[in-house]
């Protein structure tokens, strides 16, 4: 187990190194300057870039950034004077995390229920309709759905707020926009694994013992059908947390998504780098935990040297 975890962790560190390096050089080759405005003179621009070390060669800037990063310092925002990137993350991430976890929990419950429904129903029309709907919603980006929900339920019907207030109602539209895709993905996955498990020998034996249908479905079949879901749960949670950036910006949610979109528009290099590293770390950790969980719950996966 220790070797398995260390190998996965090593792969994650290598991935993080390449992510940091590629993102750093991509931000530096962006056209323009983070301090460039209509009212600033070339002399003032040069002075500000010198103050932040942007006048140095790009390789020196990279080494300076890595040195600060190793000390846990993600830098200071170029646009928000005196505000550190660490502070931006600590302020905005709890909101993003709460939104992502709620949407994942909603998607998990509804997706499993729909997946079981598709597997046990005897009506081909119902099964076909649910499969068609799941295929359709997998193809719809969450930001498109967010705009449609905002226009219909917020503007036309005026049932729900379109701007963030922190109230329960203000969670409904963004959570719905974020949950639709994973609902469709989970339902298709559960349907496939549930339909396969329902024909296994242990199910036949359970039925022959006279066990109730609900117990057979929920205890014996579902327990085995959810194993493939464990494999994708980690990446899916990471996606729910990090994939809400545009949706947060649409609903003016004060999470790290809004900060990330603004930093790209403003060419705020340190904020772009800090949020990219933070989000990359979440994805790497989520994938690591998913691999370990999958290996623990599925006896067919061996944590030996070949892994």
C-alpha atoms as a PDB file:
ATOM      1  CA  UNK A   1       0.000   0.000   0.000  1.00  0.00           C
ATOM      2  CA  UNK A   2       2.793   2.445   0.916  1.00  0.00           C
ATOM      3  CA  UNK A   3       4.596   1.859  -2.404  1.00  0.00           C
ATOM      4  CA  UNK A   4       1.338   2.297  -4.296  1.00  0.00           C
ATOM      5  CA  UNK A   5       0.614   5.613  -2.567  1.00  0.00           C
ATOM      6  CA  UNK A   6       4.185   6.878  -2.995  1.00  0.00           C
ATOM      7  CA  UNK A   7       4.153   6.066  -6.696  1.00  0.00           C
ATOM      8  CA  UNK A   8       0.856   7.871  -7.226  1.00  0.00           C
ATOM      9  CA  UNK A   9       2.098  10.805  -5.127  1.00  0.00           C
ATOM     10  CA  UNK A  10       5.307  10.988  -7.165  1.00  0.00           C
ATOM     11  CA  UNK A  11       3.300  11.099 -10.372  1.00  0.00           C
ATOM     12  CA  UNK A  12       1.205  13.874  -8.883  1.00  0.00           C
ATOM     13  CA  UNK A  13       4.275  15.938  -7.980  1.00  0.00           C
ATOM     14  CA  UNK A  14       5.676  15.562 -11.494  1.00  0.00           C
ATOM     15  CA  UNK A  15       2.332  16.632 -12.920  1.00  0.00           C
ATOM     16  CA  UNK A  16       2.264  19.643 -10.616  1.00  0.00           C
ATOM     17  CA  UNK A  17       5.787  20.660 -11.667  1.00  0.00           C
ATOM     18  CA  UNK A  18       4.845  20.648 -15.340  1.00  0.00           C
ATOM     19  CA  UNK A  19       1.604  22.495 -14.561  1.00  0.00           C
ATOM     20  CA  UNK A  20       3.476  25.236 -12.713  1.00  0.00           C
ATOM     21  CA  UNK A  21       6.146  25.561 -15.385  1.00  0.00           C
ATOM     22  CA  UNK A  22       3.791  25.620 -18.366  1.00  0.00           C
ATOM     23  CA  UNK A  23       1.350  28.038 -16.704  1.00  0.00           C
ATOM     24  CA  UNK A  24       4.170  30.384 -15.658  1.00  0.00           C
ATOM     25  CA  UNK A  25       5.613  30.733 -19.143  1.00  0.00           C
ATOM     26  CA  UNK A  26       2.171  30.986 -20.747  1.00  0.00           C
ATOM     27  CA  UNK A  27       1.241  33.900 -18.496  1.00  0.00           C
ATOM     28  CA  UNK A  28       4.491  35.675 -19.304  1.00  0.00           C
ATOM     29  CA  UNK A  29       3.989  35.458 -23.063  1.00  0.00           C
ATOM     30  CA  UNK A  30       0.496  36.945 -22.811  1.00  0.00           C
ATOM     31  CA  UNK A  31       0.353  40.215 -24.757  1.00  0.00           C
ATOM     32  CA  UNK A  32       0.397  43.413 -22.734  1.00  0.00           C
ATOM     33  CA  UNK A  33       1.241  44.101 -19.121  1.00  0.00           C
ATOM     34  CA  UNK A  34      -0.839  43.712 -15.950  1.00  0.00           C
ATOM     35  CA  UNK A  35      -0.185  47.412 -15.230  1.00  0.00           C
ATOM     36  CA  UNK A  36      -0.933  48.704 -18.699  1.00  0.00           C
ATOM     37  CA  UNK A  37      -3.836  51.191 -18.796  1.00  0.00           C
ATOM     38  CA  UNK A  38      -4.806  54.174 -20.923  1.00  0.00           C
ATOM     39  CA  UNK A  39      -3.642  56.700 -18.331  1.00  0.00           C
ATOM     40  CA  UNK A  40      -0.242  55.233 -17.453  1.00  0.00           C
ATOM     41  CA  UNK A  41       2.930  56.622 -18.987  1.00  0.00           C
ATOM     42  CA  UNK A  42       5.777  54.394 -20.255  1.00  0.00           C
ATOM     43  CA  UNK A  43       7.978  55.657 -17.395  1.00  0.00           C
ATOM     44  CA  UNK A  44       5.409  54.736 -14.758  1.00  0.00           C
ATOM     45  CA  UNK A  45       4.806  51.363 -16.414  1.00  0.00           C
ATOM     46  CA  UNK A  46       8.525  50.555 -16.404  1.00  0.00           C
ATOM     47  CA  UNK A  47       8.806  51.574 -12.734  1.00  0.00           C
ATOM     48  CA  UNK A  48       5.903  49.370 -11.682  1.00  0.00           C
ATOM     49  CA  UNK A  49       7.239  46.375 -13.616  1.00  0.00           C
ATOM     50  CA  UNK A  50      10.642  46.899 -12.002  1.00  0.00           C
ATOM     51  CA  UNK A  51       9.015  47.028  -8.561  1.00  0.00           C
ATOM     52  CA  UNK A  52       7.472  43.594  -9.107  1.00  0.00           C
ATOM     53  CA  UNK A  53      10.519  42.131 -10.843  1.00  0.00           C
ATOM     54  CA  UNK A  54       8.849  41.865 -14.241  1.00  0.00           C
ATOM     55  CA  UNK A  55      11.757  43.671 -15.901  1.00  0.00           C
ATOM     56  CA  UNK A  56      14.090  40.747 -15.221  1.00  0.00           C
ATOM     57  CA  UNK A  57      14.702  37.914 -17.728  1.00  0.00           C
ATOM     58  CA  UNK A  58      11.934  35.340 -17.713  1.00  0.00           C
ATOM     59  CA  UNK A  59      14.199  32.555 -16.421  1.00  0.00           C
ATOM     60  CA  UNK A  60      15.134  34.660 -13.395  1.00  0.00           C
ATOM     61  CA  UNK A  61      11.470  35.452 -12.776  1.00  0.00           C
ATOM     62  CA  UNK A  62      10.722  31.726 -12.875  1.00  0.00           C
ATOM     63  CA  UNK A  63      13.431  30.843 -10.360  1.00  0.00           C
ATOM     64  CA  UNK A  64      12.317  33.668  -8.049  1.00  0.00           C
ATOM     65  CA  UNK A  65       8.726  32.436  -8.202  1.00  0.00           C
ATOM     66  CA  UNK A  66       9.694  28.821  -7.479  1.00  0.00           C
ATOM     67  CA  UNK A  67      11.779  29.963  -4.513  1.00  0.00           C
ATOM     68  CA  UNK A  68       8.838  31.871  -3.020  1.00  0.00           C
ATOM     69  CA  UNK A  69       6.485  29.012  -3.818  1.00  0.00           C
ATOM     70  CA  UNK A  70       8.602  26.546  -1.864  1.00  0.00           C
ATOM     71  CA  UNK A  71       8.083  28.795   1.165  1.00  0.00           C
ATOM     72  CA  UNK A  72       4.314  28.689   0.681  1.00  0.00           C
ATOM     73  CA  UNK A  73       4.117  32.214  -0.712  1.00  0.00           C
ATOM     74  CA  UNK A  74       1.884  32.531  -3.788  1.00  0.00           C
ATOM     75  CA  UNK A  75       2.649  36.209  -4.221  1.00  0.00           C
ATOM     76  CA  UNK A  76       0.628  39.407  -4.135  1.00  0.00           C
ATOM     77  CA  UNK A  77      -2.091  40.427  -6.548  1.00  0.00           C
ATOM     78  CA  UNK A  78      -1.003  43.041  -9.080  1.00  0.00           C
ATOM     79  CA  UNK A  79      -4.501  44.526  -9.273  1.00  0.00           C
ATOM     80  CA  UNK A  80      -5.541  44.415  -5.610  1.00  0.00           C
ATOM     81  CA  UNK A  81      -2.848  46.344  -3.823  1.00  0.00           C
ATOM     82  CA  UNK A  82      -1.568  44.628  -0.704  1.00  0.00           C
ATOM     83  CA  UNK A  83      -3.829  41.596  -1.061  1.00  0.00           C
ATOM     84  CA  UNK A  84      -1.990  38.263  -1.159  1.00  0.00           C
ATOM     85  CA  UNK A  85      -3.076  35.344  -3.330  1.00  0.00           C
ATOM     86  CA  UNK A  86      -3.143  33.172  -0.199  1.00  0.00           C
ATOM     87  CA  UNK A  87      -5.742  35.529   1.272  1.00  0.00           C
ATOM     88  CA  UNK A  88      -7.854  35.481  -1.904  1.00  0.00           C
ATOM     89  CA  UNK A  89      -7.917  31.685  -1.803  1.00  0.00           C
ATOM     90  CA  UNK A  90      -8.694  31.456   1.912  1.00  0.00           C
ATOM     91  CA  UNK A  91     -11.560  33.917   1.465  1.00  0.00           C
ATOM     92  CA  UNK A  92     -13.124  32.532  -1.698  1.00  0.00           C
ATOM     93  CA  UNK A  93     -12.502  28.803  -1.482  1.00  0.00           C
ATOM     94  CA  UNK A  94     -14.997  28.004   1.320  1.00  0.00           C
ATOM     95  CA  UNK A  95     -17.805  29.351  -0.890  1.00  0.00           C
ATOM     96  CA  UNK A  96     -16.576  27.396  -3.920  1.00  0.00           C
ATOM     97  CA  UNK A  97     -16.129  24.239  -1.843  1.00  0.00           C
ATOM     98  CA  UNK A  98     -19.625  24.456  -0.361  1.00  0.00           C
ATOM     99  CA  UNK A  99     -21.174  25.007  -3.786  1.00  0.00           C
ATOM    100  CA  UNK A 100     -19.247  22.105  -5.297  1.00  0.00           C
ATOM    101  CA  UNK A 101     -20.005  19.640  -2.512  1.00  0.00           C
ATOM    102  CA  UNK A 102     -23.720  20.477  -2.490  1.00  0.00           C
ATOM    103  CA  UNK A 103     -23.967  20.029  -6.249  1.00  0.00           C
ATOM    104  CA  UNK A 104     -22.084  16.723  -6.056  1.00  0.00           C
ATOM    105  CA  UNK A 105     -24.309  15.419  -3.253  1.00  0.00           C
ATOM    106  CA  UNK A 106     -27.425  16.347  -5.238  1.00  0.00           C
ATOM    107  CA  UNK A 107     -26.002  14.730  -8.375  1.00  0.00           C
ATOM    108  CA  UNK A 108     -25.018  11.559  -6.501  1.00  0.00           C
ATOM    109  CA  UNK A 109     -28.463  10.971  -4.973  1.00  0.00           C
ATOM    110  CA  UNK A 110     -30.491  11.827  -8.076  1.00  0.00           C
ATOM    111  CA  UNK A 111     -28.057  10.102 -10.453  1.00  0.00           C
ATOM    112  CA  UNK A 112     -28.156   6.813  -8.510  1.00  0.00           C
ATOM    113  CA  UNK A 113     -31.958   6.905  -8.327  1.00  0.00           C
ATOM    114  CA  UNK A 114     -32.306   7.525 -12.061  1.00  0.00           C
ATOM    115  CA  UNK A 115     -29.705   4.846 -12.850  1.00  0.00           C
ATOM    116  CA  UNK A 116     -31.604   2.248 -10.800  1.00  0.00           C
ATOM    117  CA  UNK A 117     -34.879   3.352 -12.380  1.00  0.00           C
ATOM    118  CA  UNK A 118     -33.476   2.843 -15.874  1.00  0.00           C
ATOM    119  CA  UNK A 119     -32.284  -0.644 -14.916  1.00  0.00           C
ATOM    120  CA  UNK A 120     -35.413  -1.986 -13.214  1.00  0.00           C
ATOM    121  CA  UNK A 121     -38.177  -0.409 -15.297  1.00  0.00           C
ATOM    122  CA  UNK A 122     -39.974  -2.701 -17.713  1.00  0.00           C
ATOM    123  CA  UNK A 123     -41.156   0.156 -19.903  1.00  0.00           C
ATOM    124  CA  UNK A 124     -38.826   0.610 -22.854  1.00  0.00           C
ATOM    125  CA  UNK A 125     -40.238   4.075 -23.478  1.00  0.00           C
ATOM    126  CA  UNK A 126     -39.238   5.205 -19.983  1.00  0.00           C
ATOM    127  CA  UNK A 127     -35.773   3.693 -20.272  1.00  0.00           C
ATOM    128  CA  UNK A 128     -35.260   5.169 -23.717  1.00  0.00           C
ATOM    129  CA  UNK A 129     -36.463   8.588 -22.616  1.00  0.00           C
ATOM    130  CA  UNK A 130     -34.131   8.646 -19.607  1.00  0.00           C
ATOM    131  CA  UNK A 131     -31.156   7.483 -21.687  1.00  0.00           C
ATOM    132  CA  UNK A 132     -31.888  10.129 -24.314  1.00  0.00           C
ATOM    133  CA  UNK A 133     -32.189  12.852 -21.675  1.00  0.00           C
ATOM    134  CA  UNK A 134     -28.931  11.795 -20.003  1.00  0.00           C
ATOM    135  CA  UNK A 135     -27.124  11.836 -23.351  1.00  0.00           C
ATOM    136  CA  UNK A 136     -28.531  15.286 -24.115  1.00  0.00           C
ATOM    137  CA  UNK A 137     -27.572  16.839 -20.784  1.00  0.00           C
ATOM    138  CA  UNK A 138     -24.041  15.407 -20.931  1.00  0.00           C
ATOM    139  CA  UNK A 139     -23.563  17.505 -24.064  1.00  0.00           C
ATOM    140  CA  UNK A 140     -24.775  20.795 -22.550  1.00  0.00           C
ATOM    141  CA  UNK A 141     -22.026  22.953 -20.914  1.00  0.00           C
ATOM    142  CA  UNK A 142     -22.891  24.078 -17.409  1.00  0.00           C
ATOM    143  CA  UNK A 143     -22.461  27.769 -18.217  1.00  0.00           C
ATOM    144  CA  UNK A 144     -25.005  27.503 -21.063  1.00  0.00           C
ATOM    145  CA  UNK A 145     -27.446  25.799 -18.723  1.00  0.00           C
ATOM    146  CA  UNK A 146     -26.755  28.463 -16.095  1.00  0.00           C
ATOM    147  CA  UNK A 147     -27.706  31.241 -18.507  1.00  0.00           C
ATOM    148  CA  UNK A 148     -30.886  29.420 -19.584  1.00  0.00           C
ATOM    149  CA  UNK A 149     -31.922  28.822 -15.960  1.00  0.00           C
ATOM    150  CA  UNK A 150     -31.178  32.430 -15.065  1.00  0.00           C
ATOM    151  CA  UNK A 151     -33.245  33.825 -17.941  1.00  0.00           C
ATOM    152  CA  UNK A 152     -36.207  31.495 -17.392  1.00  0.00           C
ATOM    153  CA  UNK A 153     -36.517  31.127 -13.604  1.00  0.00           C
ATOM    154  CA  UNK A 154     -34.832  34.376 -12.612  1.00  0.00           C
ATOM    155  CA  UNK A 155     -35.799  36.924 -15.246  1.00  0.00           C
ATOM    156  CA  UNK A 156     -38.989  35.653 -16.896  1.00  0.00           C
ATOM    157  CA  UNK A 157     -40.701  33.923 -13.958  1.00  0.00           C
ATOM    158  CA  UNK A 158     -38.887  35.872 -11.230  1.00  0.00           C
ATOM    159  CA  UNK A 159     -39.012  32.870  -8.918  1.00  0.00           C
ATOM    160  CA  UNK A 160     -35.349  32.746  -7.917  1.00  0.00           C
ATOM    161  CA  UNK A 161     -32.611  35.362  -7.476  1.00  0.00           C
ATOM    162  CA  UNK A 162     -30.136  35.742 -10.328  1.00  0.00           C
ATOM    163  CA  UNK A 163     -27.556  37.514  -8.156  1.00  0.00           C
ATOM    164  CA  UNK A 164     -25.814  35.934  -5.192  1.00  0.00           C
ATOM    165  CA  UNK A 165     -27.245  36.788  -1.787  1.00  0.00           C
ATOM    166  CA  UNK A 166     -25.979  33.861   0.272  1.00  0.00           C
ATOM    167  CA  UNK A 167     -29.523  32.696   0.991  1.00  0.00           C
ATOM    168  CA  UNK A 168     -30.883  29.212   0.342  1.00  0.00           C
ATOM    169  CA  UNK A 169     -32.685  30.352  -2.810  1.00  0.00           C
ATOM    170  CA  UNK A 170     -29.510  31.772  -4.322  1.00  0.00           C
ATOM    171  CA  UNK A 171     -27.968  28.266  -4.253  1.00  0.00           C
ATOM    172  CA  UNK A 172     -30.733  26.644  -6.322  1.00  0.00           C
ATOM    173  CA  UNK A 173     -29.861  27.902  -9.811  1.00  0.00           C
ATOM    174  CA  UNK A 174     -26.047  27.490  -9.634  1.00  0.00           C
ATOM    175  CA  UNK A 175     -26.328  24.082  -7.935  1.00  0.00           C
ATOM    176  CA  UNK A 176     -28.769  22.941 -10.623  1.00  0.00           C
ATOM    177  CA  UNK A 177     -26.485  24.181 -13.399  1.00  0.00           C
ATOM    178  CA  UNK A 178     -23.525  22.334 -11.870  1.00  0.00           C
ATOM    179  CA  UNK A 179     -25.400  19.134 -10.978  1.00  0.00           C
ATOM    180  CA  UNK A 180     -27.063  18.330 -14.310  1.00  0.00           C
ATOM    181  CA  UNK A 181     -23.951  16.988 -16.053  1.00  0.00           C
ATOM    182  CA  UNK A 182     -22.838  14.677 -13.204  1.00  0.00           C
ATOM    183  CA  UNK A 183     -26.443  13.489 -12.764  1.00  0.00           C
ATOM    184  CA  UNK A 184     -26.440  12.354 -16.379  1.00  0.00           C
ATOM    185  CA  UNK A 185     -22.978  10.787 -16.050  1.00  0.00           C
ATOM    186  CA  UNK A 186     -23.738   8.980 -12.777  1.00  0.00           C
ATOM    187  CA  UNK A 187     -27.104   7.699 -13.982  1.00  0.00           C
ATOM    188  CA  UNK A 188     -25.570   6.172 -17.121  1.00  0.00           C
ATOM    189  CA  UNK A 189     -22.732   4.613 -15.120  1.00  0.00           C
ATOM    190  CA  UNK A 190     -25.075   3.171 -12.468  1.00  0.00           C
ATOM    191  CA  UNK A 191     -27.446   1.907 -15.149  1.00  0.00           C
ATOM    192  CA  UNK A 192     -24.636   0.074 -16.934  1.00  0.00           C
ATOM    193  CA  UNK A 193     -23.134  -1.507 -13.801  1.00  0.00           C
ATOM    194  CA  UNK A 194     -26.535  -2.240 -12.214  1.00  0.00           C
ATOM    195  CA  UNK A 195     -27.796  -3.965 -15.376  1.00  0.00           C
ATOM    196  CA  UNK A 196     -24.649  -6.083 -15.455  1.00  0.00           C
ATOM    197  CA  UNK A 197     -24.813  -6.988 -11.762  1.00  0.00           C
ATOM    198  CA  UNK A 198     -28.493  -7.913 -11.867  1.00  0.00           C
ATOM    199  CA  UNK A 199     -27.677 -11.012 -13.946  1.00  0.00           C
ATOM    200  CA  UNK A 200     -24.888 -12.293 -11.703  1.00  0.00           C
ATOM    201  CA  UNK A 201     -25.088 -15.609  -9.832  1.00  0.00           C
ATOM    202  CA  UNK A 202     -25.224 -14.036  -6.376  1.00  0.00           C
ATOM    203  CA  UNK A 203     -28.412 -12.192  -7.379  1.00  0.00           C
ATOM    204  CA  UNK A 204     -30.013 -15.431  -8.564  1.00  0.00           C
ATOM    205  CA  UNK A 205     -29.080 -17.033  -5.248  1.00  0.00           C
ATOM    206  CA  UNK A 206     -30.489 -14.099  -3.287  1.00  0.00           C
ATOM    207  CA  UNK A 207     -33.763 -14.327  -5.189  1.00  0.00           C
ATOM    208  CA  UNK A 208     -33.925 -18.093  -4.640  1.00  0.00           C
ATOM    209  CA  UNK A 209     -33.684 -17.511  -0.899  1.00  0.00           C
ATOM    210  CA  UNK A 210     -36.874 -15.513  -1.064  1.00  0.00           C
ATOM    211  CA  UNK A 211     -35.329 -12.163  -0.168  1.00  0.00           C
ATOM    212  CA  UNK A 212     -37.455  -9.108  -0.911  1.00  0.00           C
ATOM    213  CA  UNK A 213     -36.926  -7.314  -4.202  1.00  0.00           C
ATOM    214  CA  UNK A 214     -36.035  -4.047  -2.489  1.00  0.00           C
ATOM    215  CA  UNK A 215     -33.390  -5.753  -0.343  1.00  0.00           C
ATOM    216  CA  UNK A 216     -31.886  -7.556  -3.335  1.00  0.00           C
ATOM    217  CA  UNK A 217     -31.733  -4.340  -5.359  1.00  0.00           C
ATOM    218  CA  UNK A 218     -30.476  -1.978  -2.665  1.00  0.00           C
ATOM    219  CA  UNK A 219     -28.194  -4.300  -0.702  1.00  0.00           C
ATOM    220  CA  UNK A 220     -26.836  -6.972  -3.013  1.00  0.00           C
ATOM    221  CA  UNK A 221     -26.958  -5.412  -6.472  1.00  0.00           C
ATOM    222  CA  UNK A 222     -26.357  -1.745  -5.674  1.00  0.00           C
ATOM    223  CA  UNK A 223     -23.387  -2.513  -3.431  1.00  0.00           C
ATOM    224  CA  UNK A 224     -21.551  -4.111  -6.357  1.00  0.00           C
ATOM    225  CA  UNK A 225     -22.900  -1.711  -8.956  1.00  0.00           C
ATOM    226  CA  UNK A 226     -21.430   1.298  -7.127  1.00  0.00           C
ATOM    227  CA  UNK A 227     -17.835   0.050  -7.348  1.00  0.00           C
ATOM    228  CA  UNK A 228     -17.265   1.675 -10.784  1.00  0.00           C
ATOM    229  CA  UNK A 229     -18.679   4.899  -9.343  1.00  0.00           C
ATOM    230  CA  UNK A 230     -15.872   5.006  -6.781  1.00  0.00           C
ATOM    231  CA  UNK A 231     -13.390   5.200  -9.658  1.00  0.00           C
ATOM    232  CA  UNK A 232     -14.886   8.399 -11.024  1.00  0.00           C
ATOM    233  CA  UNK A 233     -16.029   9.934  -7.731  1.00  0.00           C
ATOM    234  CA  UNK A 234     -12.696  11.625  -6.983  1.00  0.00           C
ATOM    235  CA  UNK A 235     -12.278  13.330 -10.364  1.00  0.00           C
ATOM    236  CA  UNK A 236     -15.986  14.188 -10.389  1.00  0.00           C
ATOM    237  CA  UNK A 237     -15.797  15.933  -7.001  1.00  0.00           C
ATOM    238  CA  UNK A 238     -12.728  17.829  -8.186  1.00  0.00           C
ATOM    239  CA  UNK A 239     -14.602  18.826 -11.339  1.00  0.00           C
ATOM    240  CA  UNK A 240     -17.575  20.045  -9.308  1.00  0.00           C
ATOM    241  CA  UNK A 241     -15.299  22.213  -7.193  1.00  0.00           C
ATOM    242  CA  UNK A 242     -13.077  23.534  -9.976  1.00  0.00           C
ATOM    243  CA  UNK A 243     -15.581  23.463 -12.810  1.00  0.00           C
ATOM    244  CA  UNK A 244     -17.796  26.094 -11.232  1.00  0.00           C
ATOM    245  CA  UNK A 245     -15.606  29.033 -12.214  1.00  0.00           C
ATOM    246  CA  UNK A 246     -17.702  30.369 -15.088  1.00  0.00           C
ATOM    247  CA  UNK A 247     -20.955  29.576 -13.260  1.00  0.00           C
ATOM    248  CA  UNK A 248     -19.721  31.524 -10.243  1.00  0.00           C
ATOM    249  CA  UNK A 249     -18.956  34.491 -12.469  1.00  0.00           C
ATOM    250  CA  UNK A 250     -22.436  34.336 -14.041  1.00  0.00           C
ATOM    251  CA  UNK A 251     -24.215  34.379 -10.670  1.00  0.00           C
ATOM    252  CA  UNK A 252     -21.672  36.778  -9.068  1.00  0.00           C
ATOM    253  CA  UNK A 253     -20.778  34.168  -6.441  1.00  0.00           C
ATOM    254  CA  UNK A 254     -17.808  35.369  -4.336  1.00  0.00           C
ATOM    255  CA  UNK A 255     -15.715  32.216  -4.782  1.00  0.00           C
ATOM    256  CA  UNK A 256     -12.326  31.606  -6.331  1.00  0.00           C
ATOM    257  CA  UNK A 257     -13.977  31.116  -9.729  1.00  0.00           C
ATOM    258  CA  UNK A 258     -14.860  34.783  -9.965  1.00  0.00           C
ATOM    259  CA  UNK A 259     -11.312  35.723  -8.932  1.00  0.00           C
ATOM    260  CA  UNK A 260      -9.854  33.407 -11.561  1.00  0.00           C
ATOM    261  CA  UNK A 261     -11.956  34.842 -14.401  1.00  0.00           C
ATOM    262  CA  UNK A 262     -11.111  38.403 -13.325  1.00  0.00           C
ATOM    263  CA  UNK A 263      -7.413  37.589 -13.051  1.00  0.00           C
ATOM    264  CA  UNK A 264      -7.310  36.282 -16.615  1.00  0.00           C
ATOM    265  CA  UNK A 265      -9.112  39.367 -17.920  1.00  0.00           C
ATOM    266  CA  UNK A 266      -6.758  41.650 -15.956  1.00  0.00           C
ATOM    267  CA  UNK A 267      -3.582  39.669 -16.714  1.00  0.00           C
ATOM    268  CA  UNK A 268      -2.957  39.347 -12.970  1.00  0.00           C
ATOM    269  CA  UNK A 269      -0.114  36.826 -13.250  1.00  0.00           C
ATOM    270  CA  UNK A 270       0.263  35.922  -9.579  1.00  0.00           C
ATOM    271  CA  UNK A 271      -3.458  35.267  -9.094  1.00  0.00           C
ATOM    272  CA  UNK A 272      -3.602  33.151 -12.255  1.00  0.00           C
ATOM    273  CA  UNK A 273      -0.615  31.135 -11.077  1.00  0.00           C
ATOM    274  CA  UNK A 274      -1.823  30.770  -7.493  1.00  0.00           C
ATOM    275  CA  UNK A 275      -5.327  29.633  -8.400  1.00  0.00           C
ATOM    276  CA  UNK A 276      -4.019  27.270 -11.103  1.00  0.00           C
ATOM    277  CA  UNK A 277      -1.641  25.642  -8.622  1.00  0.00           C
ATOM    278  CA  UNK A 278      -4.357  25.411  -5.975  1.00  0.00           C
ATOM    279  CA  UNK A 279      -6.906  23.900  -8.367  1.00  0.00           C
ATOM    280  CA  UNK A 280      -4.290  21.530  -9.796  1.00  0.00           C
ATOM    281  CA  UNK A 281      -3.484  20.359  -6.289  1.00  0.00           C
ATOM    282  CA  UNK A 282      -7.168  19.637  -5.614  1.00  0.00           C
ATOM    283  CA  UNK A 283      -7.454  17.557  -8.789  1.00  0.00           C
ATOM    284  CA  UNK A 284      -4.260  15.607  -8.074  1.00  0.00           C
ATOM    285  CA  UNK A 285      -5.281  14.852  -4.473  1.00  0.00           C
ATOM    286  CA  UNK A 286      -8.800  13.865  -5.556  1.00  0.00           C
ATOM    287  CA  UNK A 287      -7.414  11.449  -8.143  1.00  0.00           C
ATOM    288  CA  UNK A 288      -4.989   9.978  -5.600  1.00  0.00           C
ATOM    289  CA  UNK A 289      -7.764   9.391  -3.073  1.00  0.00           C
ATOM    290  CA  UNK A 290      -9.942   7.906  -5.812  1.00  0.00           C
ATOM    291  CA  UNK A 291      -7.206   5.438  -6.818  1.00  0.00           C
ATOM    292  CA  UNK A 292      -6.667   4.357  -3.216  1.00  0.00           C
ATOM    293  CA  UNK A 293     -10.401   4.033  -2.510  1.00  0.00           C
ATOM    294  CA  UNK A 294     -10.911   2.007  -5.665  1.00  0.00           C
ATOM    295  CA  UNK A 295      -8.080  -0.315  -4.721  1.00  0.00           C
ATOM    296  CA  UNK A 296      -9.544  -0.820  -1.242  1.00  0.00           C
ATOM    297  CA  UNK A 297     -13.136  -1.528  -2.281  1.00  0.00           C
ATOM    298  CA  UNK A 298     -12.383  -3.628  -5.349  1.00  0.00           C
ATOM    299  CA  UNK A 299     -10.481  -6.830  -4.490  1.00  0.00           C
ATOM    300  CA  UNK A 300      -9.641  -7.323  -8.164  1.00  0.00           C
ATOM    301  CA  UNK A 301      -7.154  -4.449  -7.916  1.00  0.00           C
ATOM    302  CA  UNK A 302      -3.909  -5.582  -6.340  1.00  0.00           C
ATOM    303  CA  UNK A 303      -1.555  -3.110  -4.727  1.00  0.00           C
ATOM    304  CA  UNK A 304       1.563  -4.915  -5.788  1.00  0.00           C
ATOM    305  CA  UNK A 305       4.772  -3.905  -7.530  1.00  0.00           C
ATOM    306  CA  UNK A 306       3.140  -4.093 -10.921  1.00  0.00           C
ATOM    307  CA  UNK A 307       0.923  -1.174  -9.930  1.00  0.00           C
END
